[in-house]
Amino acid sequence: MFEEAETAAALLRFYADPTLRFAEDISLTTMNQWIDEQRRIVAGIDDWNAWVEATYGVYINLVPHVRLDDVAWWKEVRDTARDHHAAPEVLAFLDALDALQARDPARLRARLDELDGQRSKLLTKGMRAISGMVARELADDAPGRREWAASNMEGVADAELRGERLAYEALRAYASR
C-alpha cells in the first residue's frame, strides 16, 4: 500500500522534474512511456491509441492515491487531447476517467453511454462493467446497480488471472447486494 502511494508521488515528481533521482525500487516506467507518447502527439505523430494506453497506465497508478482535479499532469492530458484534436471517442474516454476520479456519477454515466453508442473499444469490458457499477453506487441507485451487475458483470473476468478474477467477483457480489 505505501509502495503504491510512494510510486504515485514519485510519478508526479518525475513529471514535474525528470532530472530528479529516485530509489531503484520505484518504477517510473509508466510516466516515461507517457512522456514518450506525449512528445509524439505534440510532434504531430498522431498515434492516439498508444497515447491513450500510456495515459491510462499513469492514471491507474495515480487515481487510488491522488485526486487529479488540480494535478498539472492531468491538465496537460486534457489540454493535449483538446488542442491536438483527438477523436471524440478519446475525449469522451478521458472525460469518463475524469468523472470516475471526481466521483461524478451523472457525468460518468453520460460518458459511458456515449462510449457505448460509439461502440468504443477504449474501455475494456471489465473497466466498463466496474465504471458502470461505480456510477450507480455513487448515485445511490441500488436497484440500478443490481440490474447493471446482473446484465453487465457476469463472465467479464473469467479469463483473468486467479487473483484478478477473484477481485472482480468480489466487486460483482458487492454490486449485486
C-alpha atoms as a PDB file:
ATOM      1  CA  MET A   1       0.000   0.000   0.000  1.00  0.00           C
ATOM      2  CA  PHE A   2       2.689   2.525   0.964  1.00  0.00           C
ATOM      3  CA  GLU A   3       4.801   1.466  -2.000  1.00  0.00           C
ATOM      4  CA  GLU A   4       1.941   2.287  -4.380  1.00  0.00           C
ATOM      5  CA  ALA A   5       1.377   5.688  -2.776  1.00  0.00           C
ATOM      6  CA  GLU A   6       5.107   6.379  -2.895  1.00  0.00           C
ATOM      7  CA  THR A   7       5.159   5.411  -6.570  1.00  0.00           C
ATOM      8  CA  ALA A   8       2.224   7.741  -7.308  1.00  0.00           C
ATOM      9  CA  ALA A   9       4.040  10.620  -5.621  1.00  0.00           C
ATOM     10  CA  ALA A  10       7.256   9.774  -7.456  1.00  0.00           C
ATOM     11  CA  LEU A  11       5.469   9.694 -10.821  1.00  0.00           C
ATOM     12  CA  LEU A  12       4.189  13.214 -10.268  1.00  0.00           C
ATOM     13  CA  ARG A  13       7.553  14.457  -9.017  1.00  0.00           C
ATOM     14  CA  PHE A  14       9.246  12.884 -12.042  1.00  0.00           C
ATOM     15  CA  TYR A  15       6.682  14.512 -14.353  1.00  0.00           C
ATOM     16  CA  ALA A  16       7.464  17.904 -12.786  1.00  0.00           C
ATOM     17  CA  ASP A  17      11.236  17.373 -12.941  1.00  0.00           C
ATOM     18  CA  PRO A  18      12.585  14.405 -14.942  1.00  0.00           C
ATOM     19  CA  THR A  19      16.125  15.131 -13.696  1.00  0.00           C
ATOM     20  CA  LEU A  20      15.307  14.040 -10.141  1.00  0.00           C
ATOM     21  CA  ARG A  21      16.782  10.783  -8.825  1.00  0.00           C
ATOM     22  CA  PHE A  22      14.618   8.117  -7.191  1.00  0.00           C
ATOM     23  CA  ALA A  23      15.203   4.888  -5.323  1.00  0.00           C
ATOM     24  CA  GLU A  24      15.909   1.964  -7.631  1.00  0.00           C
ATOM     25  CA  ASP A  25      12.843   0.045  -6.472  1.00  0.00           C
ATOM     26  CA  ILE A  26      10.464   2.805  -7.619  1.00  0.00           C
ATOM     27  CA  SER A  27       9.333   2.249 -11.194  1.00  0.00           C
ATOM     28  CA  LEU A  28       8.826   5.331 -13.295  1.00  0.00           C
ATOM     29  CA  THR A  29       8.261   3.335 -16.479  1.00  0.00           C
ATOM     30  CA  THR A  30       4.630   4.346 -16.923  1.00  0.00           C
ATOM     31  CA  MET A  31       5.471   8.061 -16.792  1.00  0.00           C
ATOM     32  CA  ASN A  32       8.440   7.580 -19.126  1.00  0.00           C
ATOM     33  CA  GLN A  33       6.132   5.830 -21.595  1.00  0.00           C
ATOM     34  CA  TRP A  34       3.588   8.611 -21.303  1.00  0.00           C
ATOM     35  CA  ILE A  35       6.234  11.296 -21.851  1.00  0.00           C
ATOM     36  CA  ASP A  36       7.403   9.476 -24.996  1.00  0.00           C
ATOM     37  CA  GLU A  37       3.849   9.230 -26.360  1.00  0.00           C
ATOM     38  CA  GLN A  38       3.124  12.829 -25.380  1.00  0.00           C
ATOM     39  CA  ARG A  39       6.140  14.003 -27.374  1.00  0.00           C
ATOM     40  CA  ARG A  40       4.890  12.062 -30.396  1.00  0.00           C
ATOM     41  CA  ILE A  41       1.442  13.648 -30.241  1.00  0.00           C
ATOM     42  CA  VAL A  42       2.904  17.152 -29.824  1.00  0.00           C
ATOM     43  CA  ALA A  43       5.222  16.464 -32.796  1.00  0.00           C
ATOM     44  CA  GLY A  44       2.196  15.597 -34.936  1.00  0.00           C
ATOM     45  CA  ILE A  45       2.626  11.827 -34.870  1.00  0.00           C
ATOM     46  CA  ASP A  46      -0.997  11.027 -34.084  1.00  0.00           C
ATOM     47  CA  ASP A  47      -0.901   7.574 -32.522  1.00  0.00           C
ATOM     48  CA  TRP A  48      -3.776   8.222 -30.139  1.00  0.00           C
ATOM     49  CA  ASN A  49      -4.125   4.533 -29.238  1.00  0.00           C
ATOM     50  CA  ALA A  50      -0.586   4.415 -27.849  1.00  0.00           C
ATOM     51  CA  TRP A  51      -1.096   7.781 -26.122  1.00  0.00           C
ATOM     52  CA  VAL A  52      -4.361   6.634 -24.519  1.00  0.00           C
ATOM     53  CA  GLU A  53      -2.731   3.402 -23.360  1.00  0.00           C
ATOM     54  CA  ALA A  54       0.198   5.302 -21.830  1.00  0.00           C
ATOM     55  CA  THR A  55      -2.154   7.845 -20.257  1.00  0.00           C
ATOM     56  CA  TYR A  56      -4.266   5.101 -18.720  1.00  0.00           C
ATOM     57  CA  GLY A  57      -1.108   3.442 -17.380  1.00  0.00           C
ATOM     58  CA  VAL A  58      -0.258   6.562 -15.410  1.00  0.00           C
ATOM     59  CA  TYR A  59      -3.893   7.212 -14.447  1.00  0.00           C
ATOM     60  CA  ILE A  60      -4.350   3.835 -12.761  1.00  0.00           C
ATOM     61  CA  ASN A  61      -1.184   4.401 -10.739  1.00  0.00           C
ATOM     62  CA  LEU A  62      -2.324   7.824  -9.544  1.00  0.00           C
ATOM     63  CA  VAL A  63      -6.085   7.646  -9.022  1.00  0.00           C
ATOM     64  CA  PRO A  64      -6.171   5.382  -5.969  1.00  0.00           C
ATOM     65  CA  HIS A  65      -3.930   7.880  -4.175  1.00  0.00           C
ATOM     66  CA  VAL A  66      -4.431  11.342  -5.689  1.00  0.00           C
ATOM     67  CA  ARG A  67      -7.385  13.469  -6.791  1.00  0.00           C
ATOM     68  CA  LEU A  68      -6.471  14.738 -10.237  1.00  0.00           C
ATOM     69  CA  ASP A  69      -8.555  17.915 -10.246  1.00  0.00           C
ATOM     70  CA  ASP A  70      -5.541  20.192  -9.685  1.00  0.00           C
ATOM     71  CA  VAL A  71      -2.733  17.939 -10.933  1.00  0.00           C
ATOM     72  CA  ALA A  72      -0.632  19.501 -13.703  1.00  0.00           C
ATOM     73  CA  TRP A  73      -0.155  16.162 -15.473  1.00  0.00           C
ATOM     74  CA  TRP A  74      -3.916  15.603 -15.761  1.00  0.00           C
ATOM     75  CA  LYS A  75      -4.422  19.162 -17.016  1.00  0.00           C
ATOM     76  CA  GLU A  76      -1.798  18.539 -19.697  1.00  0.00           C
ATOM     77  CA  VAL A  77      -3.518  15.279 -20.654  1.00  0.00           C
ATOM     78  CA  ARG A  78      -6.885  17.013 -21.098  1.00  0.00           C
ATOM     79  CA  ASP A  79      -5.342  20.030 -22.863  1.00  0.00           C
ATOM     80  CA  THR A  80      -3.346  17.824 -25.228  1.00  0.00           C
ATOM     81  CA  ALA A  81      -6.386  15.853 -26.310  1.00  0.00           C
ATOM     82  CA  ARG A  82      -8.344  19.049 -26.919  1.00  0.00           C
ATOM     83  CA  ASP A  83      -5.571  21.114 -28.522  1.00  0.00           C
ATOM     84  CA  HIS A  84      -4.301  18.335 -30.782  1.00  0.00           C
ATOM     85  CA  HIS A  85      -7.766  17.369 -31.985  1.00  0.00           C
ATOM     86  CA  ALA A  86      -8.141  13.905 -30.528  1.00  0.00           C
ATOM     87  CA  ALA A  87     -11.133  11.964 -31.793  1.00  0.00           C
ATOM     88  CA  PRO A  88     -14.429  12.471 -29.929  1.00  0.00           C
ATOM     89  CA  GLU A  89     -14.056   8.914 -28.605  1.00  0.00           C
ATOM     90  CA  VAL A  90     -10.748   9.823 -26.932  1.00  0.00           C
ATOM     91  CA  LEU A  91     -12.268  12.974 -25.444  1.00  0.00           C
ATOM     92  CA  ALA A  92     -15.252  11.000 -24.100  1.00  0.00           C
ATOM     93  CA  PHE A  93     -12.897   8.360 -22.675  1.00  0.00           C
ATOM     94  CA  LEU A  94     -10.839  10.999 -20.862  1.00  0.00           C
ATOM     95  CA  ASP A  95     -13.967  12.679 -19.557  1.00  0.00           C
ATOM     96  CA  ALA A  96     -15.186   9.285 -18.274  1.00  0.00           C
ATOM     97  CA  LEU A  97     -11.874   8.833 -16.449  1.00  0.00           C
ATOM     98  CA  ASP A  98     -12.152  12.352 -15.075  1.00  0.00           C
ATOM     99  CA  ALA A  99     -15.732  11.758 -13.923  1.00  0.00           C
ATOM    100  CA  LEU A 100     -14.676   8.500 -12.267  1.00  0.00           C
ATOM    101  CA  GLN A 101     -11.854  10.107 -10.293  1.00  0.00           C
ATOM    102  CA  ALA A 102     -14.044  13.129  -9.456  1.00  0.00           C
ATOM    103  CA  ARG A 103     -16.813  10.768  -8.294  1.00  0.00           C
ATOM    104  CA  ASP A 104     -19.350  12.414 -10.602  1.00  0.00           C
ATOM    105  CA  PRO A 105     -21.969   9.718 -11.308  1.00  0.00           C
ATOM    106  CA  ALA A 106     -24.125  11.674 -13.774  1.00  0.00           C
ATOM    107  CA  ARG A 107     -21.179  12.661 -15.968  1.00  0.00           C
ATOM    108  CA  LEU A 108     -19.678   9.176 -15.706  1.00  0.00           C
ATOM    109  CA  ARG A 109     -22.922   7.531 -16.842  1.00  0.00           C
ATOM    110  CA  ALA A 110     -23.286  10.039 -19.687  1.00  0.00           C
ATOM    111  CA  ARG A 111     -19.755   9.342 -20.945  1.00  0.00           C
ATOM    112  CA  LEU A 112     -20.203   5.565 -20.605  1.00  0.00           C
ATOM    113  CA  ASP A 113     -23.443   5.817 -22.616  1.00  0.00           C
ATOM    114  CA  GLU A 114     -21.650   7.945 -25.205  1.00  0.00           C
ATOM    115  CA  LEU A 115     -18.804   5.435 -25.487  1.00  0.00           C
ATOM    116  CA  ASP A 116     -21.293   2.569 -25.750  1.00  0.00           C
ATOM    117  CA  GLY A 117     -23.110   4.468 -28.507  1.00  0.00           C
ATOM    118  CA  GLN A 118     -19.813   4.799 -30.377  1.00  0.00           C
ATOM    119  CA  ARG A 119     -19.079   1.084 -29.813  1.00  0.00           C
ATOM    120  CA  SER A 120     -15.816   2.239 -28.283  1.00  0.00           C
ATOM    121  CA  LYS A 121     -13.030  -0.253 -27.751  1.00  0.00           C
ATOM    122  CA  LEU A 122     -11.146   2.100 -25.421  1.00  0.00           C
ATOM    123  CA  LEU A 123     -12.985   0.725 -22.387  1.00  0.00           C
ATOM    124  CA  THR A 124     -12.348  -2.928 -21.695  1.00  0.00           C
ATOM    125  CA  LYS A 125     -15.364  -4.997 -20.689  1.00  0.00           C
ATOM    126  CA  GLY A 126     -14.096  -5.089 -17.134  1.00  0.00           C
ATOM    127  CA  MET A 127     -13.459  -1.363 -16.938  1.00  0.00           C
ATOM    128  CA  ARG A 128     -16.880  -0.623 -18.424  1.00  0.00           C
ATOM    129  CA  ALA A 129     -18.580  -3.015 -16.005  1.00  0.00           C
ATOM    130  CA  ILE A 130     -16.821  -1.609 -12.950  1.00  0.00           C
ATOM    131  CA  SER A 131     -17.259   2.024 -14.033  1.00  0.00           C
ATOM    132  CA  GLY A 132     -20.963   1.492 -14.622  1.00  0.00           C
ATOM    133  CA  MET A 133     -21.315  -0.150 -11.216  1.00  0.00           C
ATOM    134  CA  VAL A 134     -19.395   2.690  -9.547  1.00  0.00           C
ATOM    135  CA  ALA A 135     -21.561   5.325 -11.273  1.00  0.00           C
ATOM    136  CA  ARG A 136     -24.694   3.698  -9.902  1.00  0.00           C
ATOM    137  CA  GLU A 137     -23.180   3.254  -6.454  1.00  0.00           C
ATOM    138  CA  LEU A 138     -22.140   6.917  -6.324  1.00  0.00           C
ATOM    139  CA  ALA A 139     -25.668   7.918  -7.317  1.00  0.00           C
ATOM    140  CA  ASP A 140     -27.057   5.751  -4.506  1.00  0.00           C
ATOM    141  CA  ASP A 141     -29.053   3.787  -7.096  1.00  0.00           C
ATOM    142  CA  ALA A 142     -29.165   0.329  -5.515  1.00  0.00           C
ATOM    143  CA  PRO A 143     -31.815  -1.111  -7.900  1.00  0.00           C
ATOM    144  CA  GLY A 144     -29.907   0.247 -10.916  1.00  0.00           C
ATOM    145  CA  ARG A 145     -26.626  -1.083  -9.537  1.00  0.00           C
ATOM    146  CA  ARG A 146     -28.110  -4.571  -9.066  1.00  0.00           C
ATOM    147  CA  GLU A 147     -29.630  -4.519 -12.554  1.00  0.00           C
ATOM    148  CA  TRP A 148     -26.310  -3.321 -14.004  1.00  0.00           C
ATOM    149  CA  ALA A 149     -24.426  -6.091 -12.217  1.00  0.00           C
ATOM    150  CA  ALA A 150     -26.842  -8.749 -13.459  1.00  0.00           C
ATOM    151  CA  SER A 151     -26.707  -7.625 -17.077  1.00  0.00           C
ATOM    152  CA  ASN A 152     -23.100  -6.398 -17.418  1.00  0.00           C
ATOM    153  CA  MET A 153     -20.826  -8.084 -14.899  1.00  0.00           C
ATOM    154  CA  GLU A 154     -21.291 -11.809 -15.449  1.00  0.00           C
ATOM    155  CA  GLY A 155     -18.362 -13.634 -17.013  1.00  0.00           C
ATOM    156  CA  VAL A 156     -16.313 -10.489 -17.640  1.00  0.00           C
ATOM    157  CA  ALA A 157     -13.215 -11.659 -15.748  1.00  0.00           C
ATOM    158  CA  ASP A 158     -13.437 -15.400 -16.393  1.00  0.00           C
ATOM    159  CA  ALA A 159     -10.231 -15.410 -18.435  1.00  0.00           C
ATOM    160  CA  GLU A 160      -8.255 -13.252 -15.982  1.00  0.00           C
ATOM    161  CA  LEU A 161      -5.577 -14.439 -13.594  1.00  0.00           C
ATOM    162  CA  ARG A 162      -6.938 -16.051 -10.471  1.00  0.00           C
ATOM    163  CA  GLY A 163      -6.377 -13.082  -8.148  1.00  0.00           C
ATOM    164  CA  GLU A 164      -7.829 -10.578 -10.608  1.00  0.00           C
ATOM    165  CA  ARG A 165     -10.822 -12.818 -11.244  1.00  0.00           C
ATOM    166  CA  LEU A 166     -11.462 -13.170  -7.521  1.00  0.00           C
ATOM    167  CA  ALA A 167     -11.217  -9.406  -7.009  1.00  0.00           C
ATOM    168  CA  TYR A 168     -13.652  -8.828  -9.860  1.00  0.00           C
ATOM    169  CA  GLU A 169     -16.056 -11.432  -8.482  1.00  0.00           C
ATOM    170  CA  ALA A 170     -15.931  -9.676  -5.110  1.00  0.00           C
ATOM    171  CA  LEU A 171     -16.906  -6.430  -6.839  1.00  0.00           C
ATOM    172  CA  ARG A 172     -19.688  -8.214  -8.683  1.00  0.00           C
ATOM    173  CA  ALA A 173     -21.024  -9.674  -5.428  1.00  0.00           C
ATOM    174  CA  TYR A 174     -20.853  -6.236  -3.833  1.00  0.00           C
ATOM    175  CA  ALA A 175     -22.734  -4.676  -6.757  1.00  0.00           C
ATOM    176  CA  SER A 176     -25.399  -7.397  -6.609  1.00  0.00           C
ATOM    177  CA  ARG A 177     -26.252  -6.844  -2.944  1.00  0.00           C
END
